[in-house]
C-alpha cells in the first residue's frame, strides 16, 4: 500500500456514545483502505473528562502530529476553541461531528439538535397528559448541541400551562454525575411527573436514580440517544422513549468527509445523519443491532 493517511477523532470525553462514533469511523477507514489500496488510520483521542481546557490540549497534541484531518465534537462554542483555529491555520482540515457549525467554512456532521429536543419534550408532555412537574437536566452547558437541545425542550414545555419546569441539574456528560444530580432533584421534588435530559449520560443516571427511589411507575423519562444501556432501560420500562442520534453514521461520515477534504474537495456545510425515535414498541430492533455489534467478527 501507499503511505498511510491518518485522521484523528477528538470527542467531548471518554464515553460509550463516543465509542460508537469511533466504531463507525473505523469501519469507514476499513472500507476506504480496501477500495483505495491506501492504508487509512484513525486515531481516537478522547479527553478523560468533558472540559474545554483538556480538549484544547488534546487538539493541540493532535495537530502537532500533522494528521490529514481532525474531527472534533467541541465542548464549547467553536469560536471559543482556540485550538481549532490554530489547526486550520496549519491547513489541517477540520470537521465537526455531533455539533452545529458556526459558519459555512466548517462542515457539521450530525442532526438537527433543536428538533431532537423538540421530539423528546413533546413526547414527554403527551405522556404526562400535559400536566405536572418536569425536570430538565442539562448536559455540558456550553456544548453547542446540548445547549440547542436544552433551549428547545424548555421552549416546548413553556407552551403548556399545566406543566411546571424544574431545574433537573447539570451532568457535564458524566453518568455518575447525572445519577447524583437526579437523586438530589427527586429528594426536592417528590411529586415529579417527568424527566428530560440533553445527552447520553442523562437518561442512564436519571433512570438509575429513579429506580433506586422506587418511583419508576410515577416518573416518565424521555432520553437522548440509543447506546445499549439506554436501550436496556427502555426494554425494562425504566425509560419510556429516546430521541436518538446515530453515532456510527456520524463517525463514518466524519472520516469520509476528512478524506475528501484531504484531496482538496469542497465540503458541504452540513450533513444530516438523522434522528431515531426509540420506544418500547421498536426497541428490540435496536437491541438486536447492538448485540450484533458486540459479536466477534
Foldseek 3Di string as FASTA:
>chain_A
DPEAAEEEEEEQADDPLVVLLVLLQVVLQVVCCVVVVHRYHYHYDYHHARDLVSSLVVLQVVLVVPGQAYEYQHLAQPVVSVSVVVSVVVVRAYEYELAAHPDQVHAYEWAQLLVLLLVQLVVLCVVLVLAFEEEEEAESCRRHSSVSSVVSNVVNNVVRPRYDYDHQYYQNNAQCSLLVSLLVVCVVCVQGQEYEYRDPSNVLSNLVNCVVVVCQVRYEYEYEADAPSNLVCQLVSSHFKYWHINSSVRSSVRNVVSVCVSVVHRDGRYDYRDIDIGGNVCSVVVNVVNVVVVDDD
